[in-house]
Protein backbone atom coordinates (compact mmCIF):
# COMPACT_ATOMS: atom_id res chain seq x y z
CA UNK A 1 -80.84 -64.03 26.29
CA UNK A 2 -79.92 -67.71 26.98
CA UNK A 3 -79.96 -70.08 24.08
CA UNK A 4 -82.53 -72.39 25.70
CA UNK A 5 -85.16 -69.12 25.75
CA UNK A 6 -83.77 -68.34 21.75
CA UNK A 7 -84.11 -71.96 20.92
CA UNK A 8 -87.82 -71.90 22.46
CA UNK A 9 -88.57 -68.78 20.66
CA UNK A 10 -87.25 -70.26 17.54
CA UNK A 11 -89.29 -73.02 17.58
CA UNK A 12 -92.43 -71.38 18.58
CA UNK A 13 -91.68 -68.89 15.15
CA UNK A 14 -91.50 -71.81 13.06
CA UNK A 15 -94.56 -73.89 14.19
CA UNK A 16 -96.63 -70.29 14.04
CA UNK A 17 -95.39 -70.16 10.26
CA UNK A 18 -96.50 -73.54 10.02
CA UNK A 19 -99.80 -72.35 11.03
CA UNK A 20 -100.19 -69.29 9.04
CA UNK A 21 -98.98 -71.94 5.72
CA UNK A 22 -101.48 -74.37 6.57
CA UNK A 23 -104.27 -71.49 7.24
CA UNK A 24 -103.77 -70.38 3.72
CA UNK A 25 -103.67 -73.87 2.35
CA UNK A 26 -107.05 -74.63 3.59
CA UNK A 27 -108.29 -71.20 2.45
CA UNK A 28 -109.23 -69.85 6.27
CA UNK A 29 -106.56 -66.84 6.41
CA UNK A 30 -109.41 -64.82 7.86
CA UNK A 31 -109.98 -67.11 10.62
CA UNK A 32 -106.64 -66.85 11.93
CA UNK A 33 -107.08 -64.71 15.05
CA UNK A 34 -110.23 -66.74 16.09
CA UNK A 35 -108.66 -69.84 15.31
CA UNK A 36 -105.63 -69.07 17.54
CA UNK A 37 -107.53 -67.74 20.44
CA UNK A 38 -109.38 -70.99 20.69
CA UNK A 39 -106.04 -73.20 19.93
CA UNK A 40 -104.46 -71.14 22.79
CA UNK A 41 -107.25 -71.98 25.24
CA UNK A 42 -107.42 -75.65 24.38
CA UNK A 43 -103.62 -75.87 24.34
CA UNK A 44 -103.33 -74.52 27.82
CA UNK A 45 -105.50 -76.79 29.45
CA UNK A 46 -104.25 -80.07 26.86
CA UNK A 47 -100.52 -78.80 27.41
CA UNK A 48 -100.47 -78.41 30.76
CA UNK A 49 -101.70 -81.74 31.49
CA UNK A 50 -99.58 -83.46 29.11
CA UNK A 51 -96.22 -81.81 30.42
CA UNK A 52 -97.65 -82.16 34.24
CA UNK A 53 -98.48 -85.80 33.81
CA UNK A 54 -96.67 -87.50 31.00
CA UNK A 55 -93.74 -85.41 30.76
CA UNK A 56 -93.14 -84.88 34.82
CA UNK A 57 -94.94 -87.47 36.52
CA UNK A 58 -93.98 -90.13 34.06
CA UNK A 59 -90.82 -88.83 32.88
CA UNK A 60 -91.22 -89.26 29.11
CA UNK A 61 -89.85 -85.95 28.09
CA UNK A 62 -88.20 -83.18 29.68
CA UNK A 63 -87.80 -79.56 28.85
CA UNK A 64 -84.47 -77.50 28.48
CA UNK A 65 -85.93 -74.50 30.18
CA UNK A 66 -87.45 -77.14 32.95
CA UNK A 67 -90.57 -77.85 34.22
CA UNK A 68 -90.71 -74.30 36.09
CA UNK A 69 -94.59 -72.57 36.42
CA UNK A 70 -93.33 -69.67 33.10
CA UNK A 71 -91.98 -72.38 30.68
CA UNK A 72 -94.98 -74.82 31.20
CA UNK A 73 -97.19 -71.86 30.63
CA UNK A 74 -95.65 -70.74 27.69
CA UNK A 75 -95.00 -73.86 26.05
CA UNK A 76 -98.73 -74.76 26.91
CA UNK A 77 -99.49 -71.40 25.31
CA UNK A 78 -97.48 -71.66 22.40
CA UNK A 79 -96.34 -74.99 21.41
CA UNK A 80 -99.79 -76.93 22.47
CA UNK A 81 -101.64 -73.69 21.53
CA UNK A 82 -100.91 -73.62 17.75
CA UNK A 83 -101.01 -77.49 17.46
CA UNK A 84 -104.64 -77.04 18.52
CA UNK A 85 -104.75 -74.31 16.29
CA UNK A 86 -103.47 -76.48 13.55
CA UNK A 87 -106.13 -79.18 14.68
CA UNK A 88 -109.11 -76.54 14.16
CA UNK A 89 -108.11 -76.03 10.82
CA UNK A 90 -108.80 -79.53 10.03
CA UNK A 91 -112.66 -79.99 11.27
CA UNK A 92 -113.80 -80.69 7.16
CA UNK A 93 -110.93 -82.98 6.70
CA UNK A 94 -111.33 -86.69 5.96
CA UNK A 95 -109.80 -89.20 8.59
CA UNK A 96 -107.03 -90.15 6.15
CA UNK A 97 -106.41 -86.15 5.37
CA UNK A 98 -105.94 -85.69 9.13
CA UNK A 99 -103.75 -88.42 9.74
CA UNK A 100 -101.31 -86.97 6.97
CA UNK A 101 -101.44 -83.47 8.29
CA UNK A 102 -100.33 -84.93 11.36
CA UNK A 103 -97.50 -86.83 10.29
CA UNK A 104 -96.68 -83.23 8.30
CA UNK A 105 -97.02 -81.46 11.93
CA UNK A 106 -94.82 -83.90 13.44
CA UNK A 107 -92.26 -83.64 11.13
CA UNK A 108 -92.32 -79.74 11.28
CA UNK A 109 -92.25 -79.96 15.32
CA UNK A 110 -89.71 -82.57 16.14
CA UNK A 111 -87.11 -81.16 13.00
CA UNK A 112 -87.21 -77.72 14.12
CA UNK A 113 -86.78 -79.10 17.91
CA UNK A 114 -83.82 -81.51 16.52
CA UNK A 115 -81.81 -78.02 14.86
CA UNK A 116 -83.10 -76.15 18.12
CA UNK A 117 -83.02 -78.11 21.22
CA UNK A 118 -86.24 -77.33 23.53
CA UNK A 119 -87.14 -81.06 24.72
CA UNK A 120 -85.52 -84.52 24.81
CA UNK A 121 -87.80 -87.46 24.87
CA UNK A 122 -87.09 -90.20 27.57
CA UNK A 123 -88.42 -93.34 26.68
CA UNK A 124 -87.24 -96.63 25.35
CA UNK A 125 -89.83 -97.06 22.64
CA UNK A 126 -88.96 -97.02 18.74
CA UNK A 127 -89.07 -93.09 18.54
CA UNK A 128 -90.97 -92.60 15.28
CA UNK A 129 -93.56 -95.19 16.54
CA UNK A 130 -94.23 -93.12 19.70
CA UNK A 131 -93.68 -89.68 18.07
CA UNK A 132 -96.73 -90.52 15.66
CA UNK A 133 -98.58 -92.16 18.43
CA UNK A 134 -98.20 -89.28 21.03
CA UNK A 135 -99.04 -86.57 18.47
CA UNK A 136 -102.16 -88.40 16.49
CA UNK A 137 -103.49 -88.92 20.33
CA UNK A 138 -103.21 -85.45 21.04
CA UNK A 139 -104.45 -84.14 17.96
CA UNK A 140 -107.37 -86.61 18.42
CA UNK A 141 -108.06 -85.02 21.83
CA UNK A 142 -108.00 -81.74 21.09
CA UNK A 143 -110.28 -82.29 18.37
CA UNK A 144 -112.73 -84.04 20.51
CA UNK A 145 -112.79 -81.72 23.10
CA UNK A 146 -113.65 -78.99 20.30
CA UNK A 147 -116.21 -81.19 19.03
CA UNK A 148 -117.58 -81.75 22.08
CA UNK A 149 -117.38 -78.72 24.47
CA UNK A 150 -117.00 -75.87 21.75
CA UNK A 151 -119.56 -77.57 18.99
CA UNK A 152 -116.63 -77.16 16.82
CA UNK A 153 -117.80 -80.14 14.38
CA UNK A 154 -115.24 -82.44 13.07
CA UNK A 155 -116.26 -84.20 9.86
CA UNK A 156 -114.60 -87.74 10.48
CA UNK A 157 -116.00 -87.75 14.20
CA UNK A 158 -119.21 -87.10 13.15
CA UNK A 159 -118.52 -89.96 10.49
CA UNK A 160 -117.18 -92.05 13.33
CA UNK A 161 -120.43 -91.73 15.47
CA UNK A 162 -122.61 -92.21 12.83
CA UNK A 163 -121.41 -95.85 12.15
């Protein structure tokens, strides 16, 4: 097994571990299989779109495994799928808690990538600002898709729509 694939497996494992801890913390451990299933479905759509449009077409990042079909599908399924599953755990959160969680998720994803290199950014913006905007934007898209199309009501979206 190549180092790139091993790094990918380690990063996904760390993200999965974060998801399990998060599910336990919000007392939704019994919902883990269902949440993972929905997360994977959402992650495939959001992940493929993000990687092909923002990553490959606009060149904002690259993968050590490349942009081939298999790495893209696995990244969308596991990396974005776990991010979506973590997002689904935040349905009853206030926007401030949702934002704090996103910062923690960003840290977990980026620190694991720092030690087990899977993706590289290719932008000129300050990295911290770009990462926070990118992750927060992605989880808002995931929450909105879940809220509108899957009936997974997010407390902070309901509050924003009432105003």
